[in-house]
Protein backbone atom coordinates (compact mmCIF):
# COMPACT_ATOMS: atom_id res chain seq x y z
CA UNK A 1 0.00 0.00 0.00
CA UNK A 2 1.44 3.36 -1.06
CA UNK A 3 -1.66 5.53 -0.63
CA UNK A 4 -4.33 5.33 2.09
CA UNK A 5 -7.45 7.48 2.56
CA UNK A 6 -9.44 7.24 5.79
CA UNK A 7 -11.95 10.09 5.58
CA UNK A 8 -15.20 10.61 7.52
CA UNK A 9 -14.89 7.53 9.74
CA UNK A 10 -14.65 9.31 13.10
CA UNK A 11 -11.13 8.34 14.07
CA UNK A 12 -10.37 10.27 17.27
CA UNK A 13 -7.27 8.44 18.50
CA UNK A 14 -4.22 7.55 16.44
CA UNK A 15 -1.84 5.00 17.97
CA UNK A 16 1.89 4.51 17.51
CA UNK A 17 1.29 1.16 15.81
CA UNK A 18 -1.57 2.12 13.47
CA UNK A 19 0.54 2.54 10.33
CA UNK A 20 3.86 0.96 11.34
CA UNK A 21 3.20 -2.14 9.22
CA UNK A 22 2.73 -0.07 6.04
CA UNK A 23 6.37 -0.01 4.99
CA UNK A 24 5.74 1.59 1.58
CA UNK A 25 3.13 4.19 2.54
CA UNK A 26 3.69 7.54 0.80
CA UNK A 27 0.30 9.30 0.98
CA UNK A 28 -2.00 9.34 4.02
CA UNK A 29 -5.30 11.22 4.08
CA UNK A 30 -7.04 11.51 7.46
CA UNK A 31 -9.24 14.56 6.84
CA UNK A 32 -12.71 15.06 8.37
CA UNK A 33 -12.46 12.45 11.15
CA UNK A 34 -12.71 14.60 14.28
CA UNK A 35 -14.10 17.92 13.12
CA UNK A 36 -13.46 21.07 15.18
CA UNK A 37 -16.55 22.23 17.04
CA UNK A 38 -17.26 25.25 14.85
CA UNK A 39 -17.11 23.20 11.66
CA UNK A 40 -19.22 20.32 12.94
CA UNK A 41 -22.84 20.35 11.65
CA UNK A 42 -24.13 19.76 15.20
CA UNK A 43 -21.25 21.67 16.87
CA UNK A 44 -20.16 18.61 18.82
CA UNK A 45 -16.69 18.99 20.41
CA UNK A 46 -14.01 16.57 19.25
CA UNK A 47 -10.32 16.39 20.11
CA UNK A 48 -8.05 14.07 18.16
CA UNK A 49 -5.25 12.37 20.10
CA UNK A 50 -2.11 11.50 18.14
CA UNK A 51 0.47 9.37 19.94
CA UNK A 52 4.14 10.47 19.59
CA UNK A 53 5.30 7.83 17.10
CA UNK A 54 2.17 7.55 14.96
CA UNK A 55 3.79 9.13 11.90
CA UNK A 56 7.44 8.64 12.85
CA UNK A 57 6.76 4.92 12.40
CA UNK A 58 6.22 5.60 8.67
CA UNK A 59 9.62 6.82 7.38
CA UNK A 60 8.44 6.65 3.74
CA UNK A 61 5.56 9.12 4.23
CA UNK A 62 5.66 12.05 1.80
CA UNK A 63 2.14 13.52 1.89
CA UNK A 64 -0.01 13.88 5.02
CA UNK A 65 -3.49 15.38 5.24
CA UNK A 66 -4.76 16.19 8.74
CA UNK A 67 -7.14 19.02 7.87
CA UNK A 68 -10.59 19.31 9.46
CA UNK A 69 -9.57 17.57 12.67
CA UNK A 70 -9.59 18.80 16.26
CA UNK A 71 -5.85 18.80 16.82
CA UNK A 72 -4.17 21.57 18.82
CA UNK A 73 -0.46 20.91 18.19
CA UNK A 74 1.67 19.83 15.26
CA UNK A 75 2.42 16.11 15.75
CA UNK A 76 5.87 14.57 15.43
CA UNK A 77 6.54 14.10 11.73
CA UNK A 78 8.95 12.01 9.62
CA UNK A 79 11.81 13.70 7.76
CA UNK A 80 10.54 12.26 4.47
CA UNK A 81 7.48 14.55 4.40
CA UNK A 82 7.07 16.73 1.29
CA UNK A 83 3.50 18.02 1.70
CA UNK A 84 1.58 18.73 4.92
CA UNK A 85 -2.03 19.91 5.33
CA UNK A 86 -3.10 21.26 8.73
CA UNK A 87 -5.99 23.46 7.61
CA UNK A 88 -9.19 23.95 9.62
CA UNK A 89 -7.72 22.48 12.79
CA UNK A 90 -7.28 24.05 16.24
CA UNK A 91 -3.53 24.63 15.91
CA UNK A 92 -2.90 28.23 16.95
CA UNK A 93 0.83 28.29 17.74
CA UNK A 94 3.80 27.53 15.50
CA UNK A 95 7.40 27.48 16.71
CA UNK A 96 10.66 26.08 15.27
CA UNK A 97 10.45 22.82 17.23
CA UNK A 98 7.30 21.80 15.36
CA UNK A 99 9.11 21.48 12.04
CA UNK A 100 12.64 20.54 13.11
CA UNK A 101 14.34 18.26 10.60
CA UNK A 102 11.68 18.54 7.88
CA UNK A 103 14.17 19.58 5.22
CA UNK A 104 12.22 17.85 2.42
CA UNK A 105 8.97 19.74 3.10
CA UNK A 106 7.89 21.82 0.09
CA UNK A 107 4.17 22.43 0.65
CA UNK A 108 2.53 23.60 3.89
CA UNK A 109 -1.19 24.36 4.08
CA UNK A 110 -2.57 25.84 7.26
CA UNK A 111 -5.72 27.77 6.37
CA UNK A 112 -8.82 28.52 8.39
CA UNK A 113 -7.57 27.81 11.90
CA UNK A 114 -9.08 31.02 13.24
CA UNK A 115 -11.99 32.64 11.41
CA UNK A 116 -15.76 32.99 11.68
CA UNK A 117 -16.52 29.32 10.92
CA UNK A 118 -13.73 28.03 13.15
CA UNK A 119 -13.54 30.76 15.81
CA UNK A 120 -10.66 31.04 18.26
CA UNK A 121 -11.04 34.67 19.48
CA UNK A 122 -7.33 35.33 19.00
CA UNK A 123 -4.72 35.21 16.25
CA UNK A 124 -2.52 32.44 14.95
CA UNK A 125 0.88 32.86 16.63
CA UNK A 126 3.83 32.24 14.34
CA UNK A 127 7.08 32.72 16.23
CA UNK A 128 9.78 34.63 14.29
CA UNK A 129 11.77 32.04 12.37
CA UNK A 130 9.29 29.25 13.12
CA UNK A 131 9.46 28.11 9.49
CA UNK A 132 12.95 29.32 8.63
CA UNK A 133 14.44 25.84 8.97
CA UNK A 134 12.26 24.58 6.11
CA UNK A 135 14.91 25.29 3.52
CA UNK A 136 13.03 23.71 0.61
CA UNK A 137 9.57 25.12 1.34
CA UNK A 138 8.14 26.65 -1.84
CA UNK A 139 4.40 26.91 -1.08
CA UNK A 140 2.94 28.35 2.14
CA UNK A 141 -0.75 29.02 2.69
CA UNK A 142 -1.92 30.79 5.86
CA UNK A 143 -5.32 32.13 4.81
CA UNK A 144 -8.13 32.87 7.30
CA UNK A 145 -6.06 32.91 10.49
CA UNK A 146 -6.65 36.36 12.04
CA UNK A 147 -3.02 37.28 11.36
CA UNK A 148 -2.28 40.97 11.89
CA UNK A 149 1.18 40.94 10.31
CA UNK A 150 3.25 38.90 7.91
CA UNK A 151 5.07 36.20 9.93
CA UNK A 152 8.71 37.15 10.46
CA UNK A 153 11.70 35.32 8.97
CA UNK A 154 9.91 33.12 6.47
CA UNK A 155 12.14 30.80 4.40
CA UNK A 156 13.68 32.58 1.37
CA UNK A 157 12.91 29.54 -0.78
CA UNK A 158 9.19 30.47 -0.90
CA UNK A 159 7.70 30.84 -4.38
CA UNK A 160 4.02 31.03 -3.37
CA UNK A 161 2.75 32.86 -0.28
CA UNK A 162 -1.00 33.01 0.39
CA UNK A 163 -2.06 35.33 3.23
CA UNK A 164 -5.55 36.34 2.12
CA UNK A 165 -8.45 37.06 4.48
CA UNK A 166 -6.45 37.80 7.59
CA UNK A 167 -6.25 41.28 9.15
CA UNK A 168 -2.92 42.50 7.76
CA UNK A 169 -3.69 46.17 7.05
CA UNK A 170 -0.12 47.48 6.81
CA UNK A 171 2.60 46.26 4.45
CA UNK A 172 6.19 47.50 4.27
CA UNK A 173 9.33 46.28 2.44
CA UNK A 174 10.70 44.59 5.56
CA UNK A 175 7.62 42.35 5.75
CA UNK A 176 8.74 40.53 2.60
CA UNK A 177 12.42 41.45 2.72
CA UNK A 178 14.04 38.05 2.18
CA UNK A 179 11.39 36.55 -0.11
CA UNK A 180 13.10 37.35 -3.40
CA UNK A 181 12.10 34.00 -4.97
CA UNK A 182 8.37 34.76 -4.70
CA UNK A 183 6.35 34.17 -7.86
CA UNK A 184 2.82 34.39 -6.40
CA UNK A 185 1.70 36.62 -3.52
CA UNK A 186 -1.91 36.80 -2.32
CA UNK A 187 -2.69 39.44 0.31
CA UNK A 188 -6.29 40.05 -0.75
CA UNK A 189 -9.18 40.40 1.68
CA UNK A 190 -7.11 41.74 4.56
CA UNK A 191 -8.81 45.13 4.64
CA UNK A 192 -12.22 44.31 3.25
CA UNK A 193 -15.06 46.33 1.80
CA UNK A 194 -18.19 44.93 3.41
CA UNK A 195 -20.98 46.52 1.38
CA UNK A 196 -21.41 43.39 -0.73
CA UNK A 197 -19.86 40.70 1.50
CA UNK A 198 -21.45 37.25 1.41
CA UNK A 199 -20.04 36.22 4.78
CA UNK A 200 -19.26 37.94 8.12
CA UNK A 201 -17.07 40.94 7.39
CA UNK A 202 -14.97 43.33 9.48
CA UNK A 203 -14.85 46.82 7.97
CA UNK A 204 -11.46 48.11 6.94
CA UNK A 205 -10.29 50.79 9.44
CA UNK A 206 -10.37 54.38 8.21
CA UNK A 207 -7.24 55.43 6.26
CA UNK A 208 -6.17 51.82 5.74
CA UNK A 209 -4.71 49.75 4.18
CA UNK A 210 -1.26 51.31 4.26
CA UNK A 211 1.11 50.01 1.59
CA UNK A 212 4.62 51.44 1.54
CA UNK A 213 5.64 52.48 -2.01
CA UNK A 214 8.50 49.95 -2.00
CA UNK A 215 6.59 47.03 -0.49
CA UNK A 216 6.94 44.86 -3.60
CA UNK A 217 9.85 46.53 -5.40
CA UNK A 218 12.41 43.82 -4.56
CA UNK A 219 10.16 40.95 -5.70
CA UNK A 220 11.58 40.89 -9.23
CA UNK A 221 10.39 37.32 -9.92
CA UNK A 222 6.76 38.01 -9.01
CA UNK A 223 4.31 36.77 -11.67
CA UNK A 224 1.02 36.97 -9.77
CA UNK A 225 -0.14 39.57 -7.21
CA UNK A 226 -3.57 39.54 -5.55
CA UNK A 227 -4.82 42.76 -3.93
CA UNK A 228 -8.54 42.06 -4.28
CA UNK A 229 -11.11 43.12 -1.67
CA UNK A 230 -8.63 45.49 -0.03
CA UNK A 231 -10.60 48.77 0.14
CA UNK A 232 -8.23 50.44 -2.31
CA UNK A 233 -9.42 53.82 -3.61
CA UNK A 234 -6.37 54.54 -5.75
CA UNK A 235 -3.25 52.89 -7.11
CA UNK A 236 0.30 54.06 -6.55
CA UNK A 237 2.52 53.41 -9.57
CA UNK A 238 5.45 52.90 -7.23
CA UNK A 239 3.89 49.66 -5.93
CA UNK A 240 4.71 48.03 -9.25
CA UNK A 241 8.29 49.21 -9.74
CA UNK A 242 10.63 46.33 -10.43
CA UNK A 243 7.81 43.88 -11.21
CA UNK A 244 8.85 43.28 -14.82
CA UNK A 245 7.66 39.66 -14.78
CA UNK A 246 4.19 40.37 -13.42
CA UNK A 247 1.54 38.61 -15.53
CA UNK A 248 -1.54 38.56 -13.29
CA UNK A 249 -2.76 41.43 -11.09
CA UNK A 250 -6.09 40.99 -9.27
CA UNK A 251 -7.63 44.29 -8.15
CA UNK A 252 -11.26 43.18 -8.07
CA UNK A 253 -13.72 44.17 -5.33
CA UNK A 254 -11.98 47.45 -4.51
CA UNK A 255 -13.16 51.08 -4.80
CA UNK A 256 -11.27 51.79 -8.02
CA UNK A 257 -14.06 53.49 -9.94
């Protein structure tokens, strides 16, 4: 067995020995087994327990899906992992110890851990440098997490960074300083216009967002930039200096009449 999907079967406890016999397992999908309270149709509480060696016992594992489960911490993970999905969980803190040794990891998805459907009444805490050790990470998605700033010291290997629908209302060059390999940046929906919103919406504060003229100027490899739903009333030509490779620019749902 190289790929195993165990969705919607209400697994709430994962044991050290559960997958140890699967010596060739590469892909494991465990989504929607122990849904967080806010995402459960009946709002039943569920906490998933993962024993320390559950995934360490599978040294061939490359792709792991744990989204839509009531887990509060990042479990111990094998060094072989290439793709990790932790979206719509209850994980609210990230620090360097959570990802130590995961040098093969290229894709990390951690969306929707703190928003109106999965409320936490705080913000996702990403310690400075929490992901810096992931030297091969190219794709990072942190949408819908109540973030108020771009996490500090992200790995310079990033090519795609998705930060939409947080509450990041100020952007400056230092926020993206070392991310010169970026090809796609999505910061839309951080300072929303709510007059036509189809879901709960927090009005953009007056005189925001604030984008420094040189916020993107060093991102010379950028091909896609999303600034949609950002309460923009005007464009500053300086935002686009140095973006000679830009192919896609999304400015929809703003006030650019």
